[in-house]
Amino acid sequence: MTDARLKFVLSTQGVQGSREQTLECVDPEPTGNSTVRDPAAACAALAKSGEAVFFALPNPDRICTQQYGGPQKARVTGTLDGKPVDKESSLTDGCRIAEWHAMQALFGDFGPDV
């Protein structure tokens, strides 16, 4: 089951500026209140990877490649399955890029293609 009420602000230092979008999923279908490009795909991405992206505890043994994926950033707030979400995502290293790719359906074309 995936119930979500999320708001996210996407920003970049480039010409795209910023934009705010919402996603609501109930069991895990999108509601009419969602403003993302493909709400069904975004709800599916949350069902598959949302727990790992938004709630995984930091792993001190995790090694992240030092690479830069772009100036895009996302701030996601709301709830996922009743748990509060407040997460900043960016493309500043390999681990963060992997998280961004897992949520690509949520962020849409506001970043690198997978």
N, C-alpha and C. Protein backbone atom coordinates (compact mmCIF):
# COMPACT_ATOMS: atom_id res chain seq x y z
N MET A 1 0.85 -1.18 0.00
CA MET A 1 0.00 0.00 0.00
C MET A 1 0.89 1.24 0.00
N THR A 2 0.54 2.23 -0.77
CA THR A 2 1.27 3.49 -0.80
C THR A 2 0.27 4.63 -0.76
N ASP A 3 0.26 5.33 0.35
CA ASP A 3 -0.53 6.56 0.47
C ASP A 3 0.44 7.71 0.63
N ALA A 4 0.30 8.70 -0.21
CA ALA A 4 1.25 9.82 -0.18
C ALA A 4 0.54 11.13 -0.44
N ARG A 5 1.00 12.14 0.26
CA ARG A 5 0.62 13.51 0.01
C ARG A 5 1.90 14.31 0.08
N LEU A 6 2.46 14.60 -1.08
CA LEU A 6 3.77 15.23 -1.15
C LEU A 6 3.71 16.53 -1.94
N LYS A 7 4.49 17.48 -1.48
CA LYS A 7 4.71 18.72 -2.21
C LYS A 7 6.22 18.78 -2.44
N PHE A 8 6.62 19.19 -3.61
CA PHE A 8 8.05 19.33 -3.84
C PHE A 8 8.33 20.55 -4.70
N VAL A 9 9.45 21.17 -4.36
CA VAL A 9 9.92 22.35 -5.08
C VAL A 9 11.22 21.96 -5.75
N LEU A 10 11.24 22.10 -7.06
CA LEU A 10 12.42 21.80 -7.86
C LEU A 10 13.09 23.12 -8.23
N SER A 11 14.40 23.17 -8.07
CA SER A 11 15.10 24.40 -8.40
C SER A 11 16.45 24.08 -9.03
N THR A 12 16.99 25.08 -9.70
CA THR A 12 18.31 24.96 -10.31
C THR A 12 18.90 26.35 -10.43
N GLN A 13 20.19 26.40 -10.54
CA GLN A 13 20.85 27.69 -10.72
C GLN A 13 20.82 28.13 -12.18
N GLY A 14 20.31 27.29 -13.06
CA GLY A 14 20.27 27.61 -14.49
C GLY A 14 19.03 28.39 -14.87
N VAL A 15 18.69 28.35 -16.12
CA VAL A 15 17.60 29.16 -16.67
C VAL A 15 16.21 28.61 -16.34
N GLN A 16 16.12 27.37 -15.84
CA GLN A 16 14.80 26.79 -15.58
C GLN A 16 14.13 27.38 -14.34
N GLY A 17 14.85 28.08 -13.49
CA GLY A 17 14.26 28.66 -12.29
C GLY A 17 13.80 27.57 -11.34
N SER A 18 12.56 27.71 -10.82
CA SER A 18 12.03 26.70 -9.92
C SER A 18 10.56 26.47 -10.21
N ARG A 19 10.06 25.34 -9.74
CA ARG A 19 8.63 25.05 -9.88
C ARG A 19 8.20 24.17 -8.71
N GLU A 20 6.94 24.31 -8.37
CA GLU A 20 6.36 23.54 -7.28
C GLU A 20 5.32 22.59 -7.86
N GLN A 21 5.32 21.34 -7.37
CA GLN A 21 4.36 20.35 -7.83
C GLN A 21 3.85 19.56 -6.63
N THR A 22 2.76 18.86 -6.84
CA THR A 22 2.20 18.00 -5.80
C THR A 22 1.93 16.62 -6.36
N LEU A 23 1.93 15.66 -5.45
CA LEU A 23 1.58 14.28 -5.81
C LEU A 23 0.78 13.71 -4.66
N GLU A 24 -0.39 13.16 -4.98
CA GLU A 24 -1.19 12.44 -4.01
C GLU A 24 -1.49 11.07 -4.57
N CYS A 25 -1.20 10.05 -3.77
CA CYS A 25 -1.46 8.66 -4.15
C CYS A 25 -2.28 8.03 -3.03
N VAL A 26 -3.27 7.25 -3.42
CA VAL A 26 -4.05 6.49 -2.46
C VAL A 26 -4.10 5.06 -2.96
N ASP A 27 -3.38 4.22 -2.27
CA ASP A 27 -3.44 2.75 -2.42
C ASP A 27 -3.15 2.22 -3.81
N PRO A 28 -2.17 2.41 -4.51
CA PRO A 28 -1.23 3.49 -4.78
C PRO A 28 -1.62 4.30 -6.02
N GLU A 29 -2.90 4.46 -6.27
CA GLU A 29 -3.35 5.21 -7.44
C GLU A 29 -3.29 6.72 -7.21
N PRO A 30 -2.95 7.49 -8.25
CA PRO A 30 -2.90 8.95 -8.09
C PRO A 30 -4.30 9.54 -7.97
N THR A 31 -4.40 10.65 -7.26
CA THR A 31 -5.68 11.38 -7.18
C THR A 31 -5.65 12.51 -8.18
N GLY A 32 -6.78 13.15 -8.35
CA GLY A 32 -6.89 14.29 -9.25
C GLY A 32 -6.16 15.53 -8.77
N ASN A 33 -5.65 15.51 -7.54
CA ASN A 33 -4.93 16.67 -7.00
C ASN A 33 -3.47 16.69 -7.40
N SER A 34 -3.00 15.69 -8.11
CA SER A 34 -1.59 15.60 -8.49
C SER A 34 -1.30 16.50 -9.67
N THR A 35 -0.16 17.19 -9.61
CA THR A 35 0.22 18.10 -10.70
C THR A 35 1.47 17.64 -11.44
N VAL A 36 2.00 16.47 -11.10
CA VAL A 36 3.17 15.96 -11.83
C VAL A 36 2.75 15.51 -13.22
N ARG A 37 3.71 15.42 -14.12
CA ARG A 37 3.43 15.07 -15.52
C ARG A 37 2.79 13.69 -15.65
N ASP A 38 3.31 12.69 -14.95
CA ASP A 38 2.78 11.33 -15.04
C ASP A 38 2.54 10.80 -13.62
N PRO A 39 1.39 11.13 -13.03
CA PRO A 39 1.14 10.76 -11.64
C PRO A 39 1.16 9.25 -11.39
N ALA A 40 0.70 8.45 -12.34
CA ALA A 40 0.70 7.00 -12.15
C ALA A 40 2.13 6.47 -12.03
N ALA A 41 3.03 6.96 -12.88
CA ALA A 41 4.43 6.54 -12.82
C ALA A 41 5.08 7.03 -11.53
N ALA A 42 4.74 8.24 -11.08
CA ALA A 42 5.30 8.77 -9.85
C ALA A 42 4.83 7.96 -8.63
N CYS A 43 3.56 7.58 -8.60
CA CYS A 43 3.05 6.74 -7.51
C CYS A 43 3.73 5.37 -7.53
N ALA A 44 3.96 4.82 -8.72
CA ALA A 44 4.65 3.54 -8.83
C ALA A 44 6.09 3.65 -8.33
N ALA A 45 6.77 4.76 -8.64
CA ALA A 45 8.14 4.96 -8.15
C ALA A 45 8.16 5.05 -6.63
N LEU A 46 7.16 5.71 -6.06
CA LEU A 46 7.08 5.78 -4.59
C LEU A 46 6.86 4.40 -3.99
N ALA A 47 5.98 3.61 -4.61
CA ALA A 47 5.71 2.26 -4.10
C ALA A 47 6.98 1.40 -4.15
N LYS A 48 7.77 1.58 -5.19
CA LYS A 48 8.98 0.76 -5.37
C LYS A 48 10.14 1.25 -4.50
N SER A 49 10.38 2.56 -4.48
CA SER A 49 11.62 3.06 -3.87
C SER A 49 11.43 4.12 -2.80
N GLY A 50 10.22 4.54 -2.55
CA GLY A 50 9.98 5.65 -1.61
C GLY A 50 10.52 5.40 -0.22
N GLU A 51 10.31 4.21 0.31
CA GLU A 51 10.78 3.89 1.66
C GLU A 51 12.30 4.02 1.74
N ALA A 52 13.01 3.49 0.76
CA ALA A 52 14.48 3.54 0.76
C ALA A 52 14.99 4.97 0.56
N VAL A 53 14.36 5.73 -0.31
CA VAL A 53 14.84 7.08 -0.61
C VAL A 53 14.55 8.04 0.54
N PHE A 54 13.35 7.97 1.11
CA PHE A 54 12.95 8.96 2.10
C PHE A 54 13.22 8.57 3.55
N PHE A 55 13.35 7.27 3.85
CA PHE A 55 13.44 6.86 5.25
C PHE A 55 14.65 5.99 5.61
N ALA A 56 15.50 5.68 4.67
CA ALA A 56 16.66 4.83 4.98
C ALA A 56 17.59 5.55 5.95
N LEU A 57 18.07 4.83 6.93
CA LEU A 57 19.03 5.39 7.87
C LEU A 57 20.38 5.52 7.19
N PRO A 58 21.15 6.53 7.56
CA PRO A 58 22.48 6.68 6.95
C PRO A 58 23.35 5.46 7.23
N ASN A 59 24.04 5.02 6.23
CA ASN A 59 24.95 3.89 6.36
C ASN A 59 26.38 4.42 6.38
N PRO A 60 27.08 4.31 7.52
CA PRO A 60 28.43 4.87 7.58
C PRO A 60 29.42 4.17 6.66
N ASP A 61 29.09 2.97 6.18
CA ASP A 61 29.99 2.23 5.29
C ASP A 61 29.68 2.48 3.81
N ARG A 62 28.67 3.28 3.52
CA ARG A 62 28.27 3.55 2.14
C ARG A 62 29.33 4.42 1.47
N ILE A 63 29.73 4.00 0.29
CA ILE A 63 30.71 4.75 -0.48
C ILE A 63 30.00 5.36 -1.69
N CYS A 64 30.16 6.66 -1.85
CA CYS A 64 29.51 7.37 -2.95
C CYS A 64 30.59 7.93 -3.89
N THR A 65 30.41 7.70 -5.17
CA THR A 65 31.36 8.26 -6.13
C THR A 65 31.30 9.78 -6.08
N GLN A 66 32.43 10.41 -6.26
CA GLN A 66 32.50 11.86 -6.27
C GLN A 66 32.33 12.34 -7.71
N GLN A 67 31.09 12.59 -8.05
CA GLN A 67 30.76 13.08 -9.38
C GLN A 67 29.68 14.12 -9.24
N TYR A 68 29.56 14.95 -10.23
CA TYR A 68 28.58 16.03 -10.20
C TYR A 68 27.59 15.80 -11.31
N GLY A 69 26.30 15.74 -10.97
CA GLY A 69 25.27 15.46 -11.96
C GLY A 69 24.51 16.67 -12.45
N GLY A 70 24.70 17.83 -11.84
CA GLY A 70 24.01 19.03 -12.27
C GLY A 70 23.56 19.88 -11.10
N PRO A 71 23.05 21.08 -11.40
CA PRO A 71 22.67 22.02 -10.35
C PRO A 71 21.25 21.82 -9.80
N GLN A 72 20.53 20.82 -10.26
CA GLN A 72 19.15 20.63 -9.84
C GLN A 72 19.06 20.21 -8.36
N LYS A 73 18.02 20.71 -7.70
CA LYS A 73 17.73 20.35 -6.32
C LYS A 73 16.23 20.16 -6.18
N ALA A 74 15.84 19.34 -5.21
CA ALA A 74 14.43 19.14 -4.92
C ALA A 74 14.25 19.11 -3.41
N ARG A 75 13.21 19.74 -2.93
CA ARG A 75 12.83 19.67 -1.51
C ARG A 75 11.45 19.04 -1.48
N VAL A 76 11.36 17.87 -0.85
CA VAL A 76 10.11 17.11 -0.80
C VAL A 76 9.60 17.13 0.64
N THR A 77 8.35 17.53 0.82
CA THR A 77 7.72 17.54 2.14
C THR A 77 6.35 16.91 2.03
N GLY A 78 5.83 16.43 3.14
CA GLY A 78 4.49 15.84 3.17
C GLY A 78 4.49 14.56 3.97
N THR A 79 3.70 13.59 3.52
CA THR A 79 3.63 12.29 4.20
C THR A 79 3.67 11.16 3.18
N LEU A 80 4.25 10.06 3.60
CA LEU A 80 4.28 8.83 2.82
C LEU A 80 3.92 7.70 3.77
N ASP A 81 2.81 7.04 3.52
CA ASP A 81 2.31 5.97 4.39
C ASP A 81 2.24 6.41 5.84
N GLY A 82 1.78 7.64 6.06
CA GLY A 82 1.59 8.16 7.41
C GLY A 82 2.84 8.70 8.08
N LYS A 83 4.00 8.56 7.45
CA LYS A 83 5.25 9.05 8.02
C LYS A 83 5.58 10.42 7.43
N PRO A 84 6.08 11.34 8.24
CA PRO A 84 6.44 12.65 7.70
C PRO A 84 7.67 12.57 6.80
N VAL A 85 7.62 13.31 5.71
CA VAL A 85 8.73 13.40 4.76
C VAL A 85 9.23 14.84 4.74
N ASP A 86 10.52 15.00 4.86
CA ASP A 86 11.18 16.29 4.69
C ASP A 86 12.59 15.98 4.20
N LYS A 87 12.75 15.98 2.89
CA LYS A 87 14.00 15.50 2.28
C LYS A 87 14.46 16.47 1.20
N GLU A 88 15.74 16.76 1.21
CA GLU A 88 16.34 17.52 0.12
C GLU A 88 17.14 16.57 -0.74
N SER A 89 16.94 16.66 -2.03
CA SER A 89 17.66 15.83 -2.99
C SER A 89 18.47 16.73 -3.90
N SER A 90 19.58 16.19 -4.36
CA SER A 90 20.42 16.94 -5.29
C SER A 90 21.20 15.94 -6.13
N LEU A 91 22.08 16.46 -6.93
CA LEU A 91 22.87 15.63 -7.84
C LEU A 91 24.36 15.82 -7.57
N THR A 92 24.72 15.89 -6.28
CA THR A 92 26.09 16.26 -5.93
C THR A 92 27.05 15.09 -5.75
N ASP A 93 26.56 13.86 -5.73
CA ASP A 93 27.45 12.70 -5.71
C ASP A 93 26.69 11.48 -6.24
N GLY A 94 27.40 10.38 -6.41
CA GLY A 94 26.80 9.19 -7.01
C GLY A 94 25.61 8.65 -6.24
N CYS A 95 25.64 8.70 -4.91
CA CYS A 95 24.53 8.19 -4.11
C CYS A 95 23.29 9.06 -4.29
N ARG A 96 23.48 10.37 -4.27
CA ARG A 96 22.34 11.28 -4.45
C ARG A 96 21.79 11.19 -5.88
N ILE A 97 22.66 11.00 -6.84
CA ILE A 97 22.20 10.84 -8.22
C ILE A 97 21.35 9.57 -8.34
N ALA A 98 21.75 8.49 -7.68
CA ALA A 98 20.97 7.25 -7.71
C ALA A 98 19.58 7.45 -7.09
N GLU A 99 19.51 8.20 -5.98
CA GLU A 99 18.21 8.49 -5.36
C GLU A 99 17.35 9.33 -6.31
N TRP A 100 17.97 10.30 -6.98
CA TRP A 100 17.24 11.15 -7.93
C TRP A 100 16.67 10.29 -9.05
N HIS A 101 17.48 9.38 -9.57
CA HIS A 101 17.01 8.51 -10.65
C HIS A 101 15.85 7.63 -10.18
N ALA A 102 15.89 7.16 -8.93
CA ALA A 102 14.80 6.34 -8.40
C ALA A 102 13.50 7.13 -8.35
N MET A 103 13.59 8.43 -8.18
CA MET A 103 12.40 9.30 -8.10
C MET A 103 12.21 10.11 -9.38
N GLN A 104 12.84 9.70 -10.48
CA GLN A 104 12.77 10.44 -11.74
C GLN A 104 11.32 10.69 -12.17
N ALA A 105 10.44 9.74 -11.97
CA ALA A 105 9.03 9.92 -12.35
C ALA A 105 8.37 11.03 -11.52
N LEU A 106 8.84 11.23 -10.32
CA LEU A 106 8.33 12.29 -9.47
C LEU A 106 8.83 13.66 -9.95
N PHE A 107 10.13 13.72 -10.26
CA PHE A 107 10.74 14.99 -10.64
C PHE A 107 10.54 15.33 -12.11
N GLY A 108 10.17 14.36 -12.93
CA GLY A 108 9.93 14.62 -14.34
C GLY A 108 11.19 14.98 -15.09
N ASP A 109 11.07 15.91 -16.01
CA ASP A 109 12.20 16.26 -16.87
C ASP A 109 13.08 17.35 -16.25
N PHE A 110 12.91 17.60 -14.97
CA PHE A 110 13.68 18.64 -14.29
C PHE A 110 14.99 18.07 -13.79
N GLY A 111 15.78 17.54 -14.67
CA GLY A 111 17.04 16.93 -14.29
C GLY A 111 17.50 15.97 -15.36
N PRO A 112 18.51 15.18 -15.07
CA PRO A 112 19.06 14.28 -16.07
C PRO A 112 18.10 13.15 -16.39
N ASP A 113 18.14 12.71 -17.62
CA ASP A 113 17.33 11.56 -18.02
C ASP A 113 18.00 10.28 -17.54
N VAL A 114 17.19 9.29 -17.22
CA VAL A 114 17.75 8.00 -16.82
C VAL A 114 17.84 7.11 -18.02
